[in-house]
Amino acid sequence: ERERVATVSNSGTTSYRDSIKGRFTISKDNAKNTLYLQ
């Protein structure tokens, strides 16, 4: 099944599933309208 990995809200609050915490980082570049997942 499709699963949520990470999200970022309009306030900047991030949420990660437990299995990837400490390994993945979600971020946004608002100037480029681009979302990243490291």
PDB file of all heavy atoms in Angstrom:
ATOM      1  N   GLU A   1       0.828  -1.195   0.000  1.00  0.00           N
ATOM      2  CA  GLU A   1       0.000   0.000   0.000  1.00  0.00           C
ATOM      3  C   GLU A   1       0.870   1.257   0.000  1.00  0.00           C
ATOM      4  O   GLU A   1       1.961   1.281   0.566  1.00  0.00           O
ATOM      5  CB  GLU A   1      -0.909  -0.028   1.229  1.00  0.00           C
ATOM      6  CG  GLU A   1      -2.002   1.011   1.240  1.00  0.00           C
ATOM      7  CD  GLU A   1      -2.925   0.834   2.425  1.00  0.00           C
ATOM      8  OE1 GLU A   1      -2.520   1.203   3.546  1.00  0.00           O
ATOM      9  OE2 GLU A   1      -4.033   0.307   2.229  1.00  0.00           O
ATOM     10  N   ARG A   2       0.383   2.310  -0.632  1.00  0.00           N
ATOM     11  CA  ARG A   2       1.084   3.584  -0.604  1.00  0.00           C
ATOM     12  C   ARG A   2       1.144   4.111   0.829  1.00  0.00           C
ATOM     13  O   ARG A   2       0.156   4.027   1.569  1.00  0.00           O
ATOM     14  CB  ARG A   2       0.377   4.597  -1.507  1.00  0.00           C
ATOM     15  CG  ARG A   2       1.109   5.919  -1.648  1.00  0.00           C
ATOM     16  CD  ARG A   2       0.365   6.849  -2.595  1.00  0.00           C
ATOM     17  NE  ARG A   2      -0.933   7.223  -2.065  1.00  0.00           N
ATOM     18  CZ  ARG A   2      -1.907   7.767  -2.784  1.00  0.00           C
ATOM     19  NH1 ARG A   2      -1.731   7.967  -4.079  1.00  0.00           N
ATOM     20  NH2 ARG A   2      -3.057   8.085  -2.210  1.00  0.00           N
ATOM     21  N   GLU A   3       2.292   4.646   1.220  1.00  0.00           N
ATOM     22  CA  GLU A   3       2.459   5.132   2.577  1.00  0.00           C
ATOM     23  C   GLU A   3       3.072   6.529   2.590  1.00  0.00           C
ATOM     24  O   GLU A   3       3.842   6.897   1.704  1.00  0.00           O
ATOM     25  CB  GLU A   3       3.321   4.177   3.407  1.00  0.00           C
ATOM     26  CG  GLU A   3       4.750   4.022   2.912  1.00  0.00           C
ATOM     27  CD  GLU A   3       5.537   2.997   3.701  1.00  0.00           C
ATOM     28  OE1 GLU A   3       4.913   2.153   4.370  1.00  0.00           O
ATOM     29  OE2 GLU A   3       6.782   3.035   3.649  1.00  0.00           O
ATOM     30  N   ARG A   4       2.712   7.278   3.601  1.00  0.00           N
ATOM     31  CA  ARG A   4       3.260   8.615   3.782  1.00  0.00           C
ATOM     32  C   ARG A   4       4.687   8.521   4.286  1.00  0.00           C
ATOM     33  O   ARG A   4       4.976   7.765   5.212  1.00  0.00           O
ATOM     34  CB  ARG A   4       2.382   9.400   4.753  1.00  0.00           C
ATOM     35  CG  ARG A   4       2.917  10.791   5.095  1.00  0.00           C
ATOM     36  CD  ARG A   4       1.892  11.586   5.903  1.00  0.00           C
ATOM     37  NE  ARG A   4       1.427  10.854   7.068  1.00  0.00           N
ATOM     38  CZ  ARG A   4       2.057  10.802   8.237  1.00  0.00           C
ATOM     39  NH1 ARG A   4       3.209  11.455   8.395  1.00  0.00           N
ATOM     40  NH2 ARG A   4       1.543  10.108   9.236  1.00  0.00           N
ATOM     41  N   VAL A   5       5.584   9.295   3.685  1.00  0.00           N
ATOM     42  CA  VAL A   5       6.979   9.337   4.102  1.00  0.00           C
ATOM     43  C   VAL A   5       7.237  10.559   4.973  1.00  0.00           C
ATOM     44  O   VAL A   5       7.725  10.443   6.102  1.00  0.00           O
ATOM     45  CB  VAL A   5       7.933   9.344   2.888  1.00  0.00           C
ATOM     46  CG1 VAL A   5       9.386   9.447   3.341  1.00  0.00           C
ATOM     47  CG2 VAL A   5       7.717   8.095   2.035  1.00  0.00           C
ATOM     48  N   ALA A   6       6.920  11.734   4.452  1.00  0.00           N
ATOM     49  CA  ALA A   6       7.155  12.976   5.174  1.00  0.00           C
ATOM     50  C   ALA A   6       6.300  14.080   4.586  1.00  0.00           C
ATOM     51  O   ALA A   6       6.002  14.076   3.390  1.00  0.00           O
ATOM     52  CB  ALA A   6       8.630  13.378   5.123  1.00  0.00           C
ATOM     53  N   THR A   7       5.911  15.033   5.422  1.00  0.00           N
ATOM     54  CA  THR A   7       5.131  16.183   4.975  1.00  0.00           C
ATOM     55  C   THR A   7       5.660  17.444   5.633  1.00  0.00           C
ATOM     56  O   THR A   7       6.315  17.393   6.670  1.00  0.00           O
ATOM     57  CB  THR A   7       3.640  16.050   5.313  1.00  0.00           C
ATOM     58  OG1 THR A   7       3.477  15.928   6.731  1.00  0.00           O
ATOM     59  CG2 THR A   7       3.025  14.844   4.626  1.00  0.00           C
ATOM     60  N   VAL A   8       5.364  18.578   5.024  1.00  0.00           N
ATOM     61  CA  VAL A   8       5.661  19.871   5.618  1.00  0.00           C
ATOM     62  C   VAL A   8       4.442  20.764   5.421  1.00  0.00           C
ATOM     63  O   VAL A   8       3.925  20.895   4.307  1.00  0.00           O
ATOM     64  CB  VAL A   8       6.945  20.503   5.032  1.00  0.00           C
ATOM     65  CG1 VAL A   8       6.854  20.654   3.517  1.00  0.00           C
ATOM     66  CG2 VAL A   8       7.237  21.832   5.699  1.00  0.00           C
ATOM     67  N   SER A   9       3.967  21.366   6.504  1.00  0.00           N
ATOM     68  CA  SER A   9       2.772  22.193   6.455  1.00  0.00           C
ATOM     69  C   SER A   9       3.112  23.617   6.036  1.00  0.00           C
ATOM     70  O   SER A   9       4.276  23.990   5.903  1.00  0.00           O
ATOM     71  CB  SER A   9       2.086  22.203   7.819  1.00  0.00           C
ATOM     72  OG  SER A   9       2.839  22.960   8.747  1.00  0.00           O
ATOM     73  N   ASN A  10       2.065  24.435   5.874  1.00  0.00           N
ATOM     74  CA  ASN A  10       2.280  25.830   5.504  1.00  0.00           C
ATOM     75  C   ASN A  10       2.975  26.623   6.605  1.00  0.00           C
ATOM     76  O   ASN A  10       3.553  27.677   6.335  1.00  0.00           O
ATOM     77  CB  ASN A  10       0.956  26.486   5.121  1.00  0.00           C
ATOM     78  CG  ASN A  10      -0.101  26.397   6.206  1.00  0.00           C
ATOM     79  OD1 ASN A  10       0.112  25.795   7.251  1.00  0.00           O
ATOM     80  ND2 ASN A  10      -1.254  27.007   5.953  1.00  0.00           N
ATOM     81  N   SER A  11       2.920  26.133   7.835  1.00  0.00           N
ATOM     82  CA  SER A  11       3.591  26.781   8.953  1.00  0.00           C
ATOM     83  C   SER A  11       5.021  26.295   9.134  1.00  0.00           C
ATOM     84  O   SER A  11       5.739  26.791  10.009  1.00  0.00           O
ATOM     85  CB  SER A  11       2.807  26.562  10.242  1.00  0.00           C
ATOM     86  OG  SER A  11       2.795  25.203  10.608  1.00  0.00           O
ATOM     87  N   GLY A  12       5.439  25.320   8.336  1.00  0.00           N
ATOM     88  CA  GLY A  12       6.781  24.781   8.431  1.00  0.00           C
ATOM     89  C   GLY A  12       6.914  23.553   9.299  1.00  0.00           C
ATOM     90  O   GLY A  12       8.022  23.026   9.449  1.00  0.00           O
ATOM     91  N   THR A  13       5.819  23.082   9.865  1.00  0.00           N
ATOM     92  CA  THR A  13       5.844  21.895  10.701  1.00  0.00           C
ATOM     93  C   THR A  13       6.062  20.652   9.846  1.00  0.00           C
ATOM     94  O   THR A  13       5.362  20.439   8.864  1.00  0.00           O
ATOM     95  CB  THR A  13       4.541  21.746  11.490  1.00  0.00           C
ATOM     96  OG1 THR A  13       4.351  22.896  12.320  1.00  0.00           O
ATOM     97  CG2 THR A  13       4.581  20.496  12.367  1.00  0.00           C
ATOM     98  N   THR A  14       7.037  19.845  10.228  1.00  0.00           N
ATOM     99  CA  THR A  14       7.339  18.628   9.486  1.00  0.00           C
ATOM    100  C   THR A  14       6.845  17.401  10.227  1.00  0.00           C
ATOM    101  O   THR A  14       6.725  17.394  11.452  1.00  0.00           O
ATOM    102  CB  THR A  14       8.844  18.487   9.227  1.00  0.00           C
ATOM    103  OG1 THR A  14       9.546  18.499  10.473  1.00  0.00           O
ATOM    104  CG2 THR A  14       9.346  19.627   8.361  1.00  0.00           C
ATOM    105  N   SER A  15       6.569  16.360   9.467  1.00  0.00           N
ATOM    106  CA  SER A  15       6.124  15.096  10.025  1.00  0.00           C
ATOM    107  C   SER A  15       6.798  13.967   9.269  1.00  0.00           C
ATOM    108  O   SER A  15       6.828  13.982   8.039  1.00  0.00           O
ATOM    109  CB  SER A  15       4.602  14.971   9.922  1.00  0.00           C
ATOM    110  OG  SER A  15       4.157  13.720  10.409  1.00  0.00           O
ATOM    111  N   TYR A  16       7.344  12.993   9.999  1.00  0.00           N
ATOM    112  CA  TYR A  16       8.038  11.857   9.405  1.00  0.00           C
ATOM    113  C   TYR A  16       7.493  10.551   9.954  1.00  0.00           C
ATOM    114  O   TYR A  16       7.131  10.468  11.130  1.00  0.00           O
ATOM    115  CB  TYR A  16       9.535  11.903   9.726  1.00  0.00           C
ATOM    116  CG  TYR A  16      10.272  13.112   9.210  1.00  0.00           C
ATOM    117  CD1 TYR A  16      10.424  14.243  10.000  1.00  0.00           C
ATOM    118  CD2 TYR A  16      10.834  13.112   7.940  1.00  0.00           C
ATOM    119  CE1 TYR A  16      11.120  15.355   9.533  1.00  0.00           C
ATOM    120  CE2 TYR A  16      11.531  14.213   7.466  1.00  0.00           C
ATOM    121  CZ  TYR A  16      11.670  15.334   8.273  1.00  0.00           C
ATOM    122  OH  TYR A  16      12.361  16.422   7.799  1.00  0.00           O
ATOM    123  N   ARG A  17       7.466   9.522   9.112  1.00  0.00           N
ATOM    124  CA  ARG A  17       7.126   8.222   9.634  1.00  0.00           C
ATOM    125  C   ARG A  17       8.308   7.714  10.446  1.00  0.00           C
ATOM    126  O   ARG A  17       9.463   8.061  10.174  1.00  0.00           O
ATOM    127  CB  ARG A  17       6.727   7.256   8.517  1.00  0.00           C
ATOM    128  CG  ARG A  17       7.853   6.802   7.618  1.00  0.00           C
ATOM    129  CD  ARG A  17       7.321   5.848   6.530  1.00  0.00           C
ATOM    130  NE  ARG A  17       6.674   4.665   7.078  1.00  0.00           N
ATOM    131  CZ  ARG A  17       5.365   4.464   7.119  1.00  0.00           C
ATOM    132  NH1 ARG A  17       4.526   5.352   6.602  1.00  0.00           N
ATOM    133  NH2 ARG A  17       4.879   3.353   7.659  1.00  0.00           N
ATOM    134  N   ASP A  18       8.045   6.885  11.441  1.00  0.00           N
ATOM    135  CA  ASP A  18       9.066   6.476  12.392  1.00  0.00           C
ATOM    136  C   ASP A  18      10.255   5.776  11.737  1.00  0.00           C
ATOM    137  O   ASP A  18      11.399   5.944  12.177  1.00  0.00           O
ATOM    138  CB  ASP A  18       8.469   5.562  13.462  1.00  0.00           C
ATOM    139  CG  ASP A  18       7.566   6.302  14.423  1.00  0.00           C
ATOM    140  OD1 ASP A  18       7.648   7.537  14.492  1.00  0.00           O
ATOM    141  OD2 ASP A  18       6.783   5.626  15.118  1.00  0.00           O
ATOM    142  N   SER A  19      10.010   5.014  10.697  1.00  0.00           N
ATOM    143  CA  SER A  19      11.063   4.203  10.102  1.00  0.00           C
ATOM    144  C   SER A  19      12.151   5.012   9.399  1.00  0.00           C
ATOM    145  O   SER A  19      13.224   4.481   9.123  1.00  0.00           O
ATOM    146  CB  SER A  19      10.466   3.188   9.123  1.00  0.00           C
ATOM    147  OG  SER A  19       9.838   3.834   8.036  1.00  0.00           O
ATOM    148  N   ILE A  20      11.883   6.292   9.116  1.00  0.00           N
ATOM    149  CA  ILE A  20      12.876   7.100   8.414  1.00  0.00           C
ATOM    150  C   ILE A  20      13.380   8.286   9.226  1.00  0.00           C
ATOM    151  O   ILE A  20      14.252   9.026   8.748  1.00  0.00           O
ATOM    152  CB  ILE A  20      12.354   7.579   7.036  1.00  0.00           C
ATOM    153  CG1 ILE A  20      11.067   8.388   7.168  1.00  0.00           C
ATOM    154  CG2 ILE A  20      12.118   6.383   6.120  1.00  0.00           C
ATOM    155  CD1 ILE A  20      11.298   9.851   7.325  1.00  0.00           C
ATOM    156  N   LYS A  21      12.878   8.462  10.441  1.00  0.00           N
ATOM    157  CA  LYS A  21      13.332   9.563  11.285  1.00  0.00           C
ATOM    158  C   LYS A  21      14.831   9.454  11.535  1.00  0.00           C
ATOM    159  O   LYS A  21      15.348   8.394  11.857  1.00  0.00           O
ATOM    160  CB  LYS A  21      12.582   9.572  12.616  1.00  0.00           C
ATOM    161  CG  LYS A  21      11.168  10.093  12.522  1.00  0.00           C
ATOM    162  CD  LYS A  21      10.503  10.140  13.890  1.00  0.00           C
ATOM    163  CE  LYS A  21       9.111  10.733  13.793  1.00  0.00           C
ATOM    164  NZ  LYS A  21       8.435  10.770  15.110  1.00  0.00           N
ATOM    165  N   GLY A  22      15.524  10.585  11.374  1.00  0.00           N
ATOM    166  CA  GLY A  22      16.959  10.611  11.547  1.00  0.00           C
ATOM    167  C   GLY A  22      17.722  10.297  10.285  1.00  0.00           C
ATOM    168  O   GLY A  22      18.945  10.489  10.246  1.00  0.00           O
ATOM    169  N   ARG A  23      17.038   9.813   9.248  1.00  0.00           N
ATOM    170  CA  ARG A  23      17.681   9.473   7.984  1.00  0.00           C
ATOM    171  C   ARG A  23      17.242  10.377   6.836  1.00  0.00           C
ATOM    172  O   ARG A  23      18.043  10.706   5.965  1.00  0.00           O
ATOM    173  CB  ARG A  23      17.403   8.015   7.605  1.00  0.00           C
ATOM    174  CG  ARG A  23      17.927   7.006   8.607  1.00  0.00           C
ATOM    175  CD  ARG A  23      17.866   5.583   8.055  1.00  0.00           C
ATOM    176  NE  ARG A  23      16.498   5.144   7.780  1.00  0.00           N
ATOM    177  CZ  ARG A  23      16.047   4.773   6.581  1.00  0.00           C
ATOM    178  NH1 ARG A  23      16.867   4.782   5.532  1.00  0.00           N
ATOM    179  NH2 ARG A  23      14.796   4.371   6.437  1.00  0.00           N
ATOM    180  N   PHE A  24      15.966  10.769   6.824  1.00  0.00           N
ATOM    181  CA  PHE A  24      15.423  11.600   5.747  1.00  0.00           C
ATOM    182  C   PHE A  24      15.113  13.001   6.269  1.00  0.00           C
ATOM    183  O   PHE A  24      14.742  13.176   7.435  1.00  0.00           O
ATOM    184  CB  PHE A  24      14.123  11.013   5.194  1.00  0.00           C
ATOM    185  CG  PHE A  24      14.262   9.701   4.467  1.00  0.00           C
ATOM    186  CD1 PHE A  24      15.459   9.006   4.432  1.00  0.00           C
ATOM    187  CD2 PHE A  24      13.162   9.165   3.812  1.00  0.00           C
ATOM    188  CE1 PHE A  24      15.565   7.794   3.761  1.00  0.00           C
ATOM    189  CE2 PHE A  24      13.250   7.962   3.135  1.00  0.00           C
ATOM    190  CZ  PHE A  24      14.455   7.275   3.113  1.00  0.00           C
ATOM    191  N   THR A  25      15.224  13.993   5.386  1.00  0.00           N
ATOM    192  CA  THR A  25      14.877  15.363   5.720  1.00  0.00           C
ATOM    193  C   THR A  25      14.062  15.975   4.591  1.00  0.00           C
ATOM    194  O   THR A  25      14.488  15.949   3.436  1.00  0.00           O
ATOM    195  CB  THR A  25      16.129  16.224   5.964  1.00  0.00           C
ATOM    196  OG1 THR A  25      16.913  15.652   7.010  1.00  0.00           O
ATOM    197  CG2 THR A  25      15.726  17.641   6.366  1.00  0.00           C
ATOM    198  N   ILE A  26      12.895  16.518   4.925  1.00  0.00           N
ATOM    199  CA  ILE A  26      12.058  17.188   3.940  1.00  0.00           C
ATOM    200  C   ILE A  26      12.264  18.692   4.066  1.00  0.00           C
ATOM    201  O   ILE A  26      12.384  19.225   5.166  1.00  0.00           O
ATOM    202  CB  ILE A  26      10.571  16.808   4.115  1.00  0.00           C
ATOM    203  CG1 ILE A  26       9.724  17.364   2.963  1.00  0.00           C
ATOM    204  CG2 ILE A  26      10.037  17.274   5.466  1.00  0.00           C
ATOM    205  CD1 ILE A  26       8.291  16.848   2.947  1.00  0.00           C
ATOM    206  N   SER A  27      12.300  19.382   2.934  1.00  0.00           N
ATOM    207  CA  SER A  27      12.484  20.825   2.936  1.00  0.00           C
ATOM    208  C   SER A  27      11.851  21.431   1.695  1.00  0.00           C
ATOM    209  O   SER A  27      11.584  20.732   0.719  1.00  0.00           O
ATOM    210  CB  SER A  27      13.968  21.197   3.017  1.00  0.00           C
ATOM    211  OG  SER A  27      14.671  20.713   1.888  1.00  0.00           O
ATOM    212  N   LYS A  28      11.620  22.740   1.741  1.00  0.00           N
ATOM    213  CA  LYS A  28      11.061  23.470   0.607  1.00  0.00           C
ATOM    214  C   LYS A  28      11.906  24.687   0.287  1.00  0.00           C
ATOM    215  O   LYS A  28      12.426  25.350   1.180  1.00  0.00           O
ATOM    216  CB  LYS A  28       9.628  23.936   0.901  1.00  0.00           C
ATOM    217  CG  LYS A  28       8.580  22.853   0.895  1.00  0.00           C
ATOM    218  CD  LYS A  28       7.167  23.455   0.895  1.00  0.00           C
ATOM    219  CE  LYS A  28       6.887  24.249   2.155  1.00  0.00           C
ATOM    220  NZ  LYS A  28       5.500  24.786   2.169  1.00  0.00           N
ATOM    221  N   ASP A  29      12.021  24.974  -1.000  1.00  0.00           N
ATOM    222  CA  ASP A  29      12.625  26.207  -1.483  1.00  0.00           C
ATOM    223  C   ASP A  29      11.487  27.004  -2.105  1.00  0.00           C
ATOM    224  O   ASP A  29      11.088  26.746  -3.241  1.00  0.00           O
ATOM    225  CB  ASP A  29      13.720  25.923  -2.498  1.00  0.00           C
ATOM    226  CG  ASP A  29      14.444  27.180  -2.946  1.00  0.00           C
ATOM    227  OD1 ASP A  29      13.856  28.275  -2.892  1.00  0.00           O
ATOM    228  OD2 ASP A  29      15.620  27.073  -3.358  1.00  0.00           O
ATOM    229  N   ASN A  30      10.954  27.959  -1.359  1.00  0.00           N
ATOM    230  CA  ASN A  30       9.784  28.696  -1.819  1.00  0.00           C
ATOM    231  C   ASN A  30      10.069  29.550  -3.050  1.00  0.00           C
ATOM    232  O   ASN A  30       9.180  29.754  -3.876  1.00  0.00           O
ATOM    233  CB  ASN A  30       9.244  29.571  -0.688  1.00  0.00           C
ATOM    234  CG  ASN A  30       8.649  28.758   0.443  1.00  0.00           C
ATOM    235  OD1 ASN A  30       8.011  27.731   0.221  1.00  0.00           O
ATOM    236  ND2 ASN A  30       8.842  29.216   1.671  1.00  0.00           N
ATOM    237  N   ALA A  31      11.288  30.039  -3.179  1.00  0.00           N
ATOM    238  CA  ALA A  31      11.642  30.851  -4.336  1.00  0.00           C
ATOM    239  C   ALA A  31      11.571  30.050  -5.627  1.00  0.00           C
ATOM    240  O   ALA A  31      11.294  30.599  -6.694  1.00  0.00           O
ATOM    241  CB  ALA A  31      13.032  31.452  -4.159  1.00  0.00           C
ATOM    242  N   LYS A  32      11.823  28.748  -5.539  1.00  0.00           N
ATOM    243  CA  LYS A  32      11.819  27.874  -6.713  1.00  0.00           C
ATOM    244  C   LYS A  32      10.564  27.009  -6.807  1.00  0.00           C
ATOM    245  O   LYS A  32      10.430  26.234  -7.753  1.00  0.00           O
ATOM    246  CB  LYS A  32      13.043  26.968  -6.705  1.00  0.00           C
ATOM    247  CG  LYS A  32      14.374  27.688  -6.819  1.00  0.00           C
ATOM    248  CD  LYS A  32      15.523  26.687  -6.831  1.00  0.00           C
ATOM    249  CE  LYS A  32      16.856  27.376  -6.991  1.00  0.00           C
ATOM    250  NZ  LYS A  32      17.979  26.392  -7.006  1.00  0.00           N
ATOM    251  N   ASN A  33       9.660  27.137  -5.840  1.00  0.00           N
ATOM    252  CA  ASN A  33       8.479  26.267  -5.770  1.00  0.00           C
ATOM    253  C   ASN A  33       8.884  24.793  -5.850  1.00  0.00           C
ATOM    254  O   ASN A  33       8.270  24.001  -6.562  1.00  0.00           O
ATOM    255  CB  ASN A  33       7.486  26.590  -6.886  1.00  0.00           C
ATOM    256  CG  ASN A  33       6.779  27.917  -6.687  1.00  0.00           C
ATOM    257  OD1 ASN A  33       6.656  28.405  -5.569  1.00  0.00           O
ATOM    258  ND2 ASN A  33       6.310  28.501  -7.779  1.00  0.00           N
ATOM    259  N   THR A  34       9.915  24.440  -5.103  1.00  0.00           N
ATOM    260  CA  THR A  34      10.475  23.101  -5.179  1.00  0.00           C
ATOM    261  C   THR A  34      10.542  22.447  -3.807  1.00  0.00           C
ATOM    262  O   THR A  34      10.971  23.066  -2.834  1.00  0.00           O
ATOM    263  CB  THR A  34      11.875  23.132  -5.808  1.00  0.00           C
ATOM    264  OG1 THR A  34      11.793  23.697  -7.118  1.00  0.00           O
ATOM    265  CG2 THR A  34      12.450  21.735  -5.918  1.00  0.00           C
ATOM    266  N   LEU A  35      10.126  21.200  -3.752  1.00  0.00           N
ATOM    267  CA  LEU A  35      10.188  20.373  -2.555  1.00  0.00           C
ATOM    268  C   LEU A  35      11.338  19.389  -2.689  1.00  0.00           C
ATOM    269  O   LEU A  35      11.579  18.856  -3.773  1.00  0.00           O
ATOM    270  CB  LEU A  35       8.873  19.612  -2.379  1.00  0.00           C
ATOM    271  CG  LEU A  35       8.756  18.685  -1.173  1.00  0.00           C
ATOM    272  CD1 LEU A  35       8.589  19.499   0.104  1.00  0.00           C
ATOM    273  CD2 LEU A  35       7.587  17.721  -1.363  1.00  0.00           C
ATOM    274  N   TYR A  36      12.036  19.123  -1.590  1.00  0.00           N
ATOM    275  CA  TYR A  36      13.156  18.200  -1.589  1.00  0.00           C
ATOM    276  C   TYR A  36      12.974  17.119  -0.536  1.00  0.00           C
ATOM    277  O   TYR A  36      12.304  17.316   0.477  1.00  0.00           O
ATOM    278  CB  TYR A  36      14.477  18.931  -1.308  1.00  0.00           C
ATOM    279  CG  TYR A  36      14.815  20.012  -2.295  1.00  0.00           C
ATOM    280  CD1 TYR A  36      14.536  21.347  -2.009  1.00  0.00           C
ATOM    281  CD2 TYR A  36      15.411  19.708  -3.513  1.00  0.00           C
ATOM    282  CE1 TYR A  36      14.847  22.348  -2.914  1.00  0.00           C
ATOM    283  CE2 TYR A  36      15.722  20.703  -4.422  1.00  0.00           C
ATOM    284  CZ  TYR A  36      15.440  22.019  -4.114  1.00  0.00           C
ATOM    285  OH  TYR A  36      15.750  23.008  -5.024  1.00  0.00           O
ATOM    286  N   LEU A  37      13.595  15.987  -0.782  1.00  0.00           N
ATOM    287  CA  LEU A  37      13.706  14.932   0.211  1.00  0.00           C
ATOM    288  C   LEU A  37      15.135  14.421   0.179  1.00  0.00           C
ATOM    289  O   LEU A  37      15.532  13.743  -0.770  1.00  0.00           O
ATOM    290  CB  LEU A  37      12.726  13.787  -0.052  1.00  0.00           C
ATOM    291  CG  LEU A  37      12.708  12.688   1.002  1.00  0.00           C
ATOM    292  CD1 LEU A  37      12.129  13.226   2.320  1.00  0.00           C
ATOM    293  CD2 LEU A  37      11.908  11.480   0.535  1.00  0.00           C
ATOM    294  N   GLN A  38      15.909  14.776   1.199  1.00  0.00           N
ATOM    295  CA  GLN A  38      17.262  14.273   1.335  1.00  0.00           C
ATOM    296  C   GLN A  38      17.197  12.936   2.049  1.00  0.00           C
ATOM    297  O   GLN A  38      16.700  12.857   3.174  1.00  0.00           O
ATOM    298  CB  GLN A  38      18.126  15.257   2.123  1.00  0.00           C
ATOM    299  CG  GLN A  38      19.558  14.793   2.348  1.00  0.00           C
ATOM    300  CD  GLN A  38      20.350  14.680   1.066  1.00  0.00           C
ATOM    301  OE1 GLN A  38      20.337  15.600   0.255  1.00  0.00           O
ATOM    302  NE2 GLN A  38      21.027  13.553   0.870  1.00  0.00           N
TER     303      GLN A  38
END
